[in-house]
Amino acid sequence: MLCNIYLSPVRYCRHVSTIHLLYLQLRRDIVEDRLRTEDKELIQLVGVALQAEYGDYDLRKYHMDYFVISYYFPPR
């Protein structure tokens, strides 16, 4: 399970920059398909990532290109 791999190291992270680097590595592992998840879990993780990076969706702010799909989802 995905949480088992990353949960222990997160517990010991004390700096925001360390947590951010761990997040970036997790996102990269998912996008490059090195870490496989169930589709439901993948969609939830992408939702959390988008919320963390962009905040609430605002139609006035994000017209068409809200995000680049290949930055969050693996090619499959």
PDB file of N, CA and C in Angstrom:
ATOM      1  N   MET A   1       0.845  -1.183   0.000  1.00  0.00           N
ATOM      2  CA  MET A   1       0.000   0.000   0.000  1.00  0.00           C
ATOM      3  C   MET A   1       0.891   1.246   0.000  1.00  0.00           C
ATOM      4  N   LEU A   2       0.449   2.264  -0.649  1.00  0.00           N
ATOM      5  CA  LEU A   2       1.198   3.506  -0.814  1.00  0.00           C
ATOM      6  C   LEU A   2       1.561   4.150   0.519  1.00  0.00           C
ATOM      7  N   CYS A   3       0.626   4.203   1.434  1.00  0.00           N
ATOM      8  CA  CYS A   3       0.868   4.871   2.710  1.00  0.00           C
ATOM      9  C   CYS A   3       1.977   4.203   3.511  1.00  0.00           C
ATOM     10  N   ASN A   4       2.083   2.893   3.419  1.00  0.00           N
ATOM     11  CA  ASN A   4       3.108   2.178   4.171  1.00  0.00           C
ATOM     12  C   ASN A   4       4.523   2.567   3.760  1.00  0.00           C
ATOM     13  N   ILE A   5       4.691   2.950   2.497  1.00  0.00           N
ATOM     14  CA  ILE A   5       6.013   3.306   2.000  1.00  0.00           C
ATOM     15  C   ILE A   5       6.447   4.679   2.496  1.00  0.00           C
ATOM     16  N   TYR A   6       5.521   5.617   2.546  1.00  0.00           N
ATOM     17  CA  TYR A   6       5.876   7.010   2.836  1.00  0.00           C
ATOM     18  C   TYR A   6       5.486   7.485   4.225  1.00  0.00           C
ATOM     19  N   LEU A   7       4.674   6.735   4.949  1.00  0.00           N
ATOM     20  CA  LEU A   7       4.172   7.210   6.226  1.00  0.00           C
ATOM     21  C   LEU A   7       5.264   7.369   7.277  1.00  0.00           C
ATOM     22  N   SER A   8       6.126   6.400   7.439  1.00  0.00           N
ATOM     23  CA  SER A   8       7.172   6.485   8.453  1.00  0.00           C
ATOM     24  C   SER A   8       8.118   7.661   8.253  1.00  0.00           C
ATOM     25  N   PRO A   9       8.651   7.881   7.038  1.00  0.00           N
ATOM     26  CA  PRO A   9       9.546   9.025   6.863  1.00  0.00           C
ATOM     27  C   PRO A   9       8.869  10.369   7.133  1.00  0.00           C
ATOM     28  N   VAL A  10       7.602  10.502   6.791  1.00  0.00           N
ATOM     29  CA  VAL A  10       6.891  11.764   7.010  1.00  0.00           C
ATOM     30  C   VAL A  10       6.801  12.073   8.494  1.00  0.00           C
ATOM     31  N   ARG A  11       6.634  11.071   9.284  1.00  0.00           N
ATOM     32  CA  ARG A  11       6.513  11.252  10.729  1.00  0.00           C
ATOM     33  C   ARG A  11       7.758  11.933  11.312  1.00  0.00           C
ATOM     34  N   TYR A  12       8.908  11.730  10.689  1.00  0.00           N
ATOM     35  CA  TYR A  12      10.158  12.285  11.212  1.00  0.00           C
ATOM     36  C   TYR A  12      10.580  13.592  10.534  1.00  0.00           C
ATOM     37  N   CYS A  13       9.830  14.032   9.549  1.00  0.00           N
ATOM     38  CA  CYS A  13      10.165  15.281   8.860  1.00  0.00           C
ATOM     39  C   CYS A  13       9.815  16.464   9.746  1.00  0.00           C
ATOM     40  N   ARG A  14      10.777  17.328   9.958  1.00  0.00           N
ATOM     41  CA  ARG A  14      10.564  18.490  10.826  1.00  0.00           C
ATOM     42  C   ARG A  14      10.554  19.802  10.060  1.00  0.00           C
ATOM     43  N   HIS A  15      11.059  19.800   8.850  1.00  0.00           N
ATOM     44  CA  HIS A  15      11.154  21.036   8.085  1.00  0.00           C
ATOM     45  C   HIS A  15      10.188  21.007   6.907  1.00  0.00           C
ATOM     46  N   VAL A  16       9.604  22.148   6.633  1.00  0.00           N
ATOM     47  CA  VAL A  16       8.660  22.254   5.525  1.00  0.00           C
ATOM     48  C   VAL A  16       9.334  21.885   4.208  1.00  0.00           C
ATOM     49  N   SER A  17      10.581  22.285   4.047  1.00  0.00           N
ATOM     50  CA  SER A  17      11.280  21.985   2.793  1.00  0.00           C
ATOM     51  C   SER A  17      11.479  20.475   2.609  1.00  0.00           C
ATOM     52  N   THR A  18      11.706  19.749   3.687  1.00  0.00           N
ATOM     53  CA  THR A  18      11.855  18.302   3.607  1.00  0.00           C
ATOM     54  C   THR A  18      10.542  17.643   3.214  1.00  0.00           C
ATOM     55  N   ILE A  19       9.453  18.094   3.792  1.00  0.00           N
ATOM     56  CA  ILE A  19       8.138  17.564   3.457  1.00  0.00           C
ATOM     57  C   ILE A  19       7.816  17.867   1.997  1.00  0.00           C
ATOM     58  N   HIS A  20       8.165  19.052   1.552  1.00  0.00           N
ATOM     59  CA  HIS A  20       7.914  19.423   0.161  1.00  0.00           C
ATOM     60  C   HIS A  20       8.722  18.545  -0.799  1.00  0.00           C
ATOM     61  N   LEU A  21       9.969  18.286  -0.472  1.00  0.00           N
ATOM     62  CA  LEU A  21      10.783  17.408  -1.319  1.00  0.00           C
ATOM     63  C   LEU A  21      10.229  15.985  -1.351  1.00  0.00           C
ATOM     64  N   LEU A  22       9.745  15.518  -0.233  1.00  0.00           N
ATOM     65  CA  LEU A  22       9.137  14.192  -0.177  1.00  0.00           C
ATOM     66  C   LEU A  22       7.876  14.151  -1.045  1.00  0.00           C
ATOM     67  N   TYR A  23       7.082  15.215  -0.987  1.00  0.00           N
ATOM     68  CA  TYR A  23       5.896  15.315  -1.842  1.00  0.00           C
ATOM     69  C   TYR A  23       6.283  15.284  -3.319  1.00  0.00           C
ATOM     70  N   LEU A  24       7.287  16.043  -3.696  1.00  0.00           N
ATOM     71  CA  LEU A  24       7.726  16.077  -5.094  1.00  0.00           C
ATOM     72  C   LEU A  24       8.205  14.699  -5.552  1.00  0.00           C
ATOM     73  N   GLN A  25       8.925  13.987  -4.682  1.00  0.00           N
ATOM     74  CA  GLN A  25       9.395  12.647  -5.036  1.00  0.00           C
ATOM     75  C   GLN A  25       8.226  11.684  -5.195  1.00  0.00           C
ATOM     76  N   LEU A  26       7.267  11.757  -4.298  1.00  0.00           N
ATOM     77  CA  LEU A  26       6.088  10.902  -4.384  1.00  0.00           C
ATOM     78  C   LEU A  26       5.327  11.174  -5.679  1.00  0.00           C
ATOM     79  N   ARG A  27       5.137  12.454  -6.004  1.00  0.00           N
ATOM     80  CA  ARG A  27       4.433  12.810  -7.240  1.00  0.00           C
ATOM     81  C   ARG A  27       5.189  12.300  -8.468  1.00  0.00           C
ATOM     82  N   ARG A  28       6.494  12.439  -8.449  1.00  0.00           N
ATOM     83  CA  ARG A  28       7.314  11.966  -9.580  1.00  0.00           C
ATOM     84  C   ARG A  28       7.242  10.442  -9.715  1.00  0.00           C
ATOM     85  N   ASP A  29       7.313   9.738  -8.586  1.00  0.00           N
ATOM     86  CA  ASP A  29       7.215   8.278  -8.614  1.00  0.00           C
ATOM     87  C   ASP A  29       5.887   7.820  -9.202  1.00  0.00           C
ATOM     88  N   ILE A  30       4.818   8.520  -8.885  1.00  0.00           N
ATOM     89  CA  ILE A  30       3.507   8.169  -9.422  1.00  0.00           C
ATOM     90  C   ILE A  30       3.436   8.489 -10.911  1.00  0.00           C
ATOM     91  N   VAL A  31       3.876   9.672 -11.303  1.00  0.00           N
ATOM     92  CA  VAL A  31       3.802  10.092 -12.707  1.00  0.00           C
ATOM     93  C   VAL A  31       4.659   9.201 -13.599  1.00  0.00           C
ATOM     94  N   GLU A  32       5.812   8.782 -13.103  1.00  0.00           N
ATOM     95  CA  GLU A  32       6.707   7.935 -13.894  1.00  0.00           C
ATOM     96  C   GLU A  32       6.386   6.450 -13.724  1.00  0.00           C
ATOM     97  N   ASP A  33       5.278   6.152 -13.064  1.00  0.00           N
ATOM     98  CA  ASP A  33       4.764   4.793 -12.893  1.00  0.00           C
ATOM     99  C   ASP A  33       5.718   3.869 -12.142  1.00  0.00           C
ATOM    100  N   ARG A  34       6.553   4.431 -11.295  1.00  0.00           N
ATOM    101  CA  ARG A  34       7.422   3.609 -10.436  1.00  0.00           C
ATOM    102  C   ARG A  34       6.674   3.153  -9.202  1.00  0.00           C
ATOM    103  N   LEU A  35       5.608   3.861  -8.898  1.00  0.00           N
ATOM    104  CA  LEU A  35       4.785   3.546  -7.730  1.00  0.00           C
ATOM    105  C   LEU A  35       3.342   3.445  -8.214  1.00  0.00           C
ATOM    106  N   ARG A  36       2.836   2.230  -8.253  1.00  0.00           N
ATOM    107  CA  ARG A  36       1.482   2.020  -8.784  1.00  0.00           C
ATOM    108  C   ARG A  36       0.458   2.102  -7.658  1.00  0.00           C
ATOM    109  N   THR A  37      -0.675   2.679  -7.988  1.00  0.00           N
ATOM    110  CA  THR A  37      -1.781   2.779  -7.041  1.00  0.00           C
ATOM    111  C   THR A  37      -3.062   2.364  -7.758  1.00  0.00           C
ATOM    112  N   GLU A  38      -4.072   2.096  -6.981  1.00  0.00           N
ATOM    113  CA  GLU A  38      -5.399   1.850  -7.544  1.00  0.00           C
ATOM    114  C   GLU A  38      -5.894   3.163  -8.140  1.00  0.00           C
ATOM    115  N   ASP A  39      -6.742   3.067  -9.152  1.00  0.00           N
ATOM    116  CA  ASP A  39      -7.238   4.275  -9.818  1.00  0.00           C
ATOM    117  C   ASP A  39      -7.924   5.235  -8.845  1.00  0.00           C
ATOM    118  N   LYS A  40      -8.723   4.694  -7.947  1.00  0.00           N
ATOM    119  CA  LYS A  40      -9.436   5.539  -6.978  1.00  0.00           C
ATOM    120  C   LYS A  40      -8.442   6.306  -6.100  1.00  0.00           C
ATOM    121  N   GLU A  41      -7.421   5.609  -5.618  1.00  0.00           N
ATOM    122  CA  GLU A  41      -6.407   6.246  -4.779  1.00  0.00           C
ATOM    123  C   GLU A  41      -5.611   7.278  -5.584  1.00  0.00           C
ATOM    124  N   LEU A  42      -5.313   6.970  -6.837  1.00  0.00           N
ATOM    125  CA  LEU A  42      -4.592   7.896  -7.712  1.00  0.00           C
ATOM    126  C   LEU A  42      -5.371   9.198  -7.888  1.00  0.00           C
ATOM    127  N   ILE A  43      -6.652   9.084  -8.148  1.00  0.00           N
ATOM    128  CA  ILE A  43      -7.480  10.271  -8.338  1.00  0.00           C
ATOM    129  C   ILE A  43      -7.538  11.098  -7.053  1.00  0.00           C
ATOM    130  N   GLN A  44      -7.620  10.460  -5.916  1.00  0.00           N
ATOM    131  CA  GLN A  44      -7.629  11.179  -4.643  1.00  0.00           C
ATOM    132  C   GLN A  44      -6.302  11.905  -4.416  1.00  0.00           C
ATOM    133  N   LEU A  45      -5.195  11.235  -4.712  1.00  0.00           N
ATOM    134  CA  LEU A  45      -3.886  11.864  -4.553  1.00  0.00           C
ATOM    135  C   LEU A  45      -3.712  13.063  -5.475  1.00  0.00           C
ATOM    136  N   VAL A  46      -4.169  12.927  -6.708  1.00  0.00           N
ATOM    137  CA  VAL A  46      -4.091  14.049  -7.649  1.00  0.00           C
ATOM    138  C   VAL A  46      -4.950  15.204  -7.156  1.00  0.00           C
ATOM    139  N   GLY A  47      -6.119  14.902  -6.621  1.00  0.00           N
ATOM    140  CA  GLY A  47      -6.981  15.947  -6.067  1.00  0.00           C
ATOM    141  C   GLY A  47      -6.313  16.694  -4.929  1.00  0.00           C
ATOM    142  N   VAL A  48      -5.640  15.967  -4.051  1.00  0.00           N
ATOM    143  CA  VAL A  48      -4.924  16.591  -2.938  1.00  0.00           C
ATOM    144  C   VAL A  48      -3.768  17.442  -3.467  1.00  0.00           C
ATOM    145  N   ALA A  49      -3.048  16.922  -4.451  1.00  0.00           N
ATOM    146  CA  ALA A  49      -1.931  17.674  -5.036  1.00  0.00           C
ATOM    147  C   ALA A  49      -2.415  18.970  -5.679  1.00  0.00           C
ATOM    148  N   LEU A  50      -3.493  18.896  -6.449  1.00  0.00           N
ATOM    149  CA  LEU A  50      -4.020  20.102  -7.091  1.00  0.00           C
ATOM    150  C   LEU A  50      -4.514  21.110  -6.054  1.00  0.00           C
ATOM    151  N   GLN A  51      -5.173  20.621  -5.019  1.00  0.00           N
ATOM    152  CA  GLN A  51      -5.646  21.511  -3.959  1.00  0.00           C
ATOM    153  C   GLN A  51      -4.472  22.191  -3.266  1.00  0.00           C
ATOM    154  N   ALA A  52      -3.410  21.430  -3.006  1.00  0.00           N
ATOM    155  CA  ALA A  52      -2.236  21.991  -2.337  1.00  0.00           C
ATOM    156  C   ALA A  52      -1.519  23.021  -3.211  1.00  0.00           C
ATOM    157  N   GLU A  53      -1.451  22.756  -4.505  1.00  0.00           N
ATOM    158  CA  GLU A  53      -0.694  23.636  -5.395  1.00  0.00           C
ATOM    159  C   GLU A  53      -1.495  24.831  -5.907  1.00  0.00           C
ATOM    160  N   TYR A  54      -2.788  24.631  -6.153  1.00  0.00           N
ATOM    161  CA  TYR A  54      -3.590  25.686  -6.774  1.00  0.00           C
ATOM    162  C   TYR A  54      -4.684  26.254  -5.882  1.00  0.00           C
ATOM    163  N   GLY A  55      -5.037  25.561  -4.806  1.00  0.00           N
ATOM    164  CA  GLY A  55      -6.148  26.010  -3.984  1.00  0.00           C
ATOM    165  C   GLY A  55      -7.472  25.663  -4.647  1.00  0.00           C
ATOM    166  N   ASP A  56      -8.526  26.341  -4.242  1.00  0.00           N
ATOM    167  CA  ASP A  56      -9.848  26.096  -4.804  1.00  0.00           C
ATOM    168  C   ASP A  56      -9.892  26.520  -6.267  1.00  0.00           C
ATOM    169  N   TYR A  57     -10.628  25.767  -7.050  1.00  0.00           N
ATOM    170  CA  TYR A  57     -10.789  26.101  -8.469  1.00  0.00           C
ATOM    171  C   TYR A  57     -11.592  27.394  -8.579  1.00  0.00           C
ATOM    172  N   ASP A  58     -11.089  28.314  -9.371  1.00  0.00           N
ATOM    173  CA  ASP A  58     -11.752  29.592  -9.598  1.00  0.00           C
ATOM    174  C   ASP A  58     -11.837  29.812 -11.101  1.00  0.00           C
ATOM    175  N   LEU A  59     -13.059  29.788 -11.639  1.00  0.00           N
ATOM    176  CA  LEU A  59     -13.275  29.915 -13.073  1.00  0.00           C
ATOM    177  C   LEU A  59     -12.693  31.219 -13.626  1.00  0.00           C
ATOM    178  N   ARG A  60     -12.718  32.280 -12.825  1.00  0.00           N
ATOM    179  CA  ARG A  60     -12.168  33.568 -13.281  1.00  0.00           C
ATOM    180  C   ARG A  60     -10.647  33.505 -13.401  1.00  0.00           C
ATOM    181  N   LYS A  61     -10.027  32.696 -12.570  1.00  0.00           N
ATOM    182  CA  LYS A  61      -8.565  32.601 -12.561  1.00  0.00           C
ATOM    183  C   LYS A  61      -8.046  31.554 -13.538  1.00  0.00           C
ATOM    184  N   TYR A  62      -8.733  30.408 -13.600  1.00  0.00           N
ATOM    185  CA  TYR A  62      -8.308  29.294 -14.444  1.00  0.00           C
ATOM    186  C   TYR A  62      -9.351  29.095 -15.540  1.00  0.00           C
ATOM    187  N   HIS A  63      -9.080  29.599 -16.716  1.00  0.00           N
ATOM    188  CA  HIS A  63     -10.054  29.497 -17.795  1.00  0.00           C
ATOM    189  C   HIS A  63     -10.046  28.103 -18.403  1.00  0.00           C
ATOM    190  N   MET A  64      -9.052  27.773 -19.168  1.00  0.00           N
ATOM    191  CA  MET A  64      -9.017  26.490 -19.861  1.00  0.00           C
ATOM    192  C   MET A  64      -7.943  25.564 -19.304  1.00  0.00           C
ATOM    193  N   ASP A  65      -6.739  26.043 -19.155  1.00  0.00           N
ATOM    194  CA  ASP A  65      -5.609  25.209 -18.766  1.00  0.00           C
ATOM    195  C   ASP A  65      -5.401  25.260 -17.254  1.00  0.00           C
ATOM    196  N   TYR A  66      -6.227  24.536 -16.542  1.00  0.00           N
ATOM    197  CA  TYR A  66      -6.138  24.511 -15.086  1.00  0.00           C
ATOM    198  C   TYR A  66      -4.837  23.849 -14.644  1.00  0.00           C
ATOM    199  N   PHE A  67      -4.489  22.724 -15.271  1.00  0.00           N
ATOM    200  CA  PHE A  67      -3.234  22.046 -14.968  1.00  0.00           C
ATOM    201  C   PHE A  67      -2.856  21.158 -16.146  1.00  0.00           C
ATOM    202  N   VAL A  68      -1.609  20.777 -16.198  1.00  0.00           N
ATOM    203  CA  VAL A  68      -1.114  19.879 -17.241  1.00  0.00           C
ATOM    204  C   VAL A  68      -1.270  18.453 -16.710  1.00  0.00           C
ATOM    205  N   ILE A  69      -2.101  17.683 -17.359  1.00  0.00           N
ATOM    206  CA  ILE A  69      -2.463  16.359 -16.866  1.00  0.00           C
ATOM    207  C   ILE A  69      -1.255  15.435 -16.717  1.00  0.00           C
ATOM    208  N   SER A  70      -0.278  15.567 -17.598  1.00  0.00           N
ATOM    209  CA  SER A  70       0.895  14.680 -17.533  1.00  0.00           C
ATOM    210  C   SER A  70       1.807  14.981 -16.340  1.00  0.00           C
ATOM    211  N   TYR A  71       1.586  16.104 -15.656  1.00  0.00           N
ATOM    212  CA  TYR A  71       2.366  16.418 -14.455  1.00  0.00           C
ATOM    213  C   TYR A  71       1.825  15.695 -13.223  1.00  0.00           C
ATOM    214  N   TYR A  72       0.641  15.093 -13.342  1.00  0.00           N
ATOM    215  CA  TYR A  72      -0.009  14.482 -12.197  1.00  0.00           C
ATOM    216  C   TYR A  72      -0.405  13.021 -12.396  1.00  0.00           C
ATOM    217  N   PHE A  73      -0.685  12.634 -13.649  1.00  0.00           N
ATOM    218  CA  PHE A  73      -1.130  11.273 -13.924  1.00  0.00           C
ATOM    219  C   PHE A  73      -0.082  10.520 -14.728  1.00  0.00           C
ATOM    220  N   PRO A  74       0.091   9.216 -14.448  1.00  0.00           N
ATOM    221  CA  PRO A  74       0.993   8.410 -15.273  1.00  0.00           C
ATOM    222  C   PRO A  74       0.395   8.213 -16.665  1.00  0.00           C
ATOM    223  N   PRO A  75       1.202   7.849 -17.631  1.00  0.00           N
ATOM    224  CA  PRO A  75       0.710   7.699 -19.006  1.00  0.00           C
ATOM    225  C   PRO A  75      -0.393   6.659 -19.171  1.00  0.00           C
ATOM    226  N   ARG A  76      -0.430   5.684 -18.283  1.00  0.00           N
ATOM    227  CA  ARG A  76      -1.438   4.621 -18.424  1.00  0.00           C
ATOM    228  C   ARG A  76      -2.807   5.182 -18.266  1.00  0.00           C
TER     229      ARG A  76
END
